C-alpha atoms as a PDB file:
ATOM      1  CA  MET A   1       0.046   0.098  -0.013  1.00  0.00           C
ATOM      2  CA  ASP A   2       1.320   3.376  -1.045  1.00  0.00           C
ATOM      3  CA  GLU A   3       1.312   5.451   2.154  1.00  0.00           C
ATOM      4  CA  ASN A   4       0.624   8.883   0.257  1.00  0.00           C
ATOM      5  CA  SER A   5      -2.234   7.921  -1.846  1.00  0.00           C
ATOM      6  CA  GLY A   6      -3.593   5.008   0.032  1.00  0.00           C
ATOM      7  CA  LEU A   7      -3.500   2.805  -3.329  1.00  0.00           C
ATOM      8  CA  GLY A   8      -3.152  -0.867  -2.733  1.00  0.00           C
ATOM      9  CA  MET A   9      -1.638  -3.120  -5.389  1.00  0.00           C
ATOM     10  CA  PRO A  10      -2.388  -6.842  -5.688  1.00  0.00           C
ATOM     11  CA  ASP A  11       0.484  -9.469  -4.998  1.00  0.00           C
ATOM     12  CA  LEU A  12       1.155 -10.571  -8.487  1.00  0.00           C
ATOM     13  CA  GLN A  13       3.274 -13.458  -7.366  1.00  0.00           C
ATOM     14  CA  ARG A  14       0.409 -14.782  -5.377  1.00  0.00           C
ATOM     15  CA  ILE A  15      -2.086 -14.168  -8.247  1.00  0.00           C
ATOM     16  CA  GLY A  16       0.289 -15.974 -10.597  1.00  0.00           C
ATOM     17  CA  LYS A  17       0.869 -18.849  -8.245  1.00  0.00           C
ATOM     18  CA  ALA A  18      -3.157 -19.271  -7.847  1.00  0.00           C
ATOM     19  CA  TYR A  19      -3.393 -19.557 -11.741  1.00  0.00           C
ATOM     20  CA  ASP A  20      -0.210 -21.649 -12.217  1.00  0.00           C
ATOM     21  CA  LEU A  21       1.311 -18.667 -14.184  1.00  0.00           C
ATOM     22  CA  GLU A  22       4.984 -17.883 -14.180  1.00  0.00           C
ATOM     23  CA  VAL A  23       5.589 -14.259 -13.140  1.00  0.00           C
ATOM     24  CA  CYS A  24       8.189 -12.152 -14.516  1.00  0.00           C
ATOM     25  CA  GLU A  25       9.073  -9.344 -12.202  1.00  0.00           C
ATOM     26  CA  ILE A  26      10.883  -6.259 -13.622  1.00  0.00           C
ATOM     27  CA  ASN A  27      12.141  -4.151 -10.878  1.00  0.00           C
ATOM     28  CA  ASN A  28      14.437  -1.476 -12.647  1.00  0.00           C
ATOM     29  CA  HIS A  29      15.235  -0.222 -16.212  1.00  0.00           C
ATOM     30  CA  SER A  30      18.440  -2.259 -16.450  1.00  0.00           C
ATOM     31  CA  GLU A  31      16.487  -5.429 -16.355  1.00  0.00           C
ATOM     32  CA  LEU A  32      13.784  -4.255 -18.844  1.00  0.00           C
ATOM     33  CA  LYS A  33      15.368  -5.334 -22.155  1.00  0.00           C
ATOM     34  CA  GLU A  34      16.426  -8.716 -21.113  1.00  0.00           C
ATOM     35  CA  LYS A  35      13.280  -9.699 -19.276  1.00  0.00           C
ATOM     36  CA  ILE A  36      10.774  -8.354 -21.928  1.00  0.00           C
ATOM     37  CA  ALA A  37      12.774 -10.496 -24.414  1.00  0.00           C
ATOM     38  CA  TYR A  38      12.393 -13.517 -22.421  1.00  0.00           C
ATOM     39  CA  VAL A  39       8.559 -12.982 -22.050  1.00  0.00           C
ATOM     40  CA  ILE A  40       8.294 -12.412 -25.790  1.00  0.00           C
ATOM     41  CA  LYS A  41      10.220 -15.741 -26.419  1.00  0.00           C
ATOM     42  CA  SER A  42       8.130 -17.674 -24.121  1.00  0.00           C
ATOM     43  CA  GLU A  43       5.457 -19.735 -25.580  1.00  0.00           C
ATOM     44  CA  LYS A  44       3.491 -19.982 -22.332  1.00  0.00           C
ATOM     45  CA  PRO A  45       1.547 -17.255 -20.764  1.00  0.00           C
ATOM     46  CA  ILE A  46       3.658 -15.110 -18.150  1.00  0.00           C
ATOM     47  CA  LEU A  47       2.364 -12.474 -15.883  1.00  0.00           C
ATOM     48  CA  CYS A  48       4.679  -9.499 -16.169  1.00  0.00           C
ATOM     49  CA  ASP A  49       5.021  -7.403 -12.918  1.00  0.00           C
ATOM     50  CA  VAL A  50       6.667  -4.130 -13.825  1.00  0.00           C
ATOM     51  CA  LYS A  51       7.489  -2.139 -10.654  1.00  0.00           C
ATOM     52  CA  VAL A  52       7.100   1.653 -11.072  1.00  0.00           C
ATOM     53  CA  LYS A  53       7.924   4.186  -8.731  1.00  0.00           C
ATOM     54  CA  THR A  54       4.761   6.099  -7.537  1.00  0.00           C
ATOM     55  CA  SER A  55       6.219   9.607  -8.541  1.00  0.00           C
ATOM     56  CA  GLN A  56       7.120   8.126 -12.195  1.00  0.00           C
ATOM     57  CA  ARG A  57       4.982   9.590 -14.868  1.00  0.00           C
ATOM     58  CA  VAL A  58       3.603   6.719 -17.032  1.00  0.00           C
ATOM     59  CA  VAL A  59       2.581   7.239 -20.825  1.00  0.00           C
ATOM     60  CA  PRO A  60       0.897   6.298 -22.677  1.00  0.00           C
ATOM     61  CA  LYS A  61      -2.170   5.881 -20.188  1.00  0.00           C
ATOM     62  CA  ILE A  62      -5.683   4.957 -20.436  1.00  0.00           C
ATOM     63  CA  ASP A  63      -8.096   7.891 -19.630  1.00  0.00           C
ATOM     64  CA  PHE A  64     -11.034   7.117 -17.547  1.00  0.00           C
ATOM     65  CA  GLY A  65     -13.866   5.897 -19.743  1.00  0.00           C
ATOM     66  CA  LYS A  66     -11.709   5.374 -22.784  1.00  0.00           C
ATOM     67  CA  PRO A  67     -11.290   1.831 -24.601  1.00  0.00           C
ATOM     68  CA  ILE A  68      -7.656   0.381 -24.118  1.00  0.00           C
ATOM     69  CA  HIS A  69      -6.725   0.975 -27.618  1.00  0.00           C
ATOM     70  CA  ASP A  70      -7.556   4.778 -27.299  1.00  0.00           C
ATOM     71  CA  MET A  71      -4.466   5.832 -24.901  1.00  0.00           C
ATOM     72  CA  SER A  72      -3.189   9.313 -24.043  1.00  0.00           C
ATOM     73  CA  PRO A  73      -1.424  10.827 -25.891  1.00  0.00           C
ATOM     74  CA  LEU A  74      -3.631  10.360 -28.790  1.00  0.00           C
ATOM     75  CA  LEU A  75      -2.517   8.794 -31.958  1.00  0.00           C
ATOM     76  CA  ASP A  76      -3.937  10.443 -35.019  1.00  0.00           C
ATOM     77  CA  GLU A  77      -6.821   8.346 -36.543  1.00  0.00           C
ATOM     78  CA  GLU A  78      -4.717   6.996 -39.377  1.00  0.00           C
ATOM     79  CA  GLU A  79      -1.895   5.688 -37.082  1.00  0.00           C
ATOM     80  CA  LEU A  80      -4.549   4.322 -34.745  1.00  0.00           C
ATOM     81  CA  LYS A  81      -6.361   2.301 -37.510  1.00  0.00           C
ATOM     82  CA  SER A  82      -2.951   1.140 -38.851  1.00  0.00           C
ATOM     83  CA  ASN A  83      -2.381  -0.630 -35.453  1.00  0.00           C
ATOM     84  CA  MET A  84      -5.592  -2.153 -35.156  1.00  0.00           C
ATOM     85  CA  ILE A  85      -6.170  -5.840 -35.917  1.00  0.00           C
ATOM     86  CA  ASP A  86      -8.977  -6.420 -38.542  1.00  0.00           C
END
């Protein structure tokens, strides 16, 4: 639980274990490239737990009430459509 905001985060290690999933925890930027490559190469589902400082600005982000494919900052309509799967 974050003391300043009161926001609690689920224990992804326990959730992964409950669903018999491997959990890949990424704790800092220096681990990112290697661990993401591992996850992408895996042929089984892996739950990725990326640790981010509460003070870190995260982009792109989903604005309240928007669909997951329509994150901020907004892409122009042509780029958004080119990224969508038919």
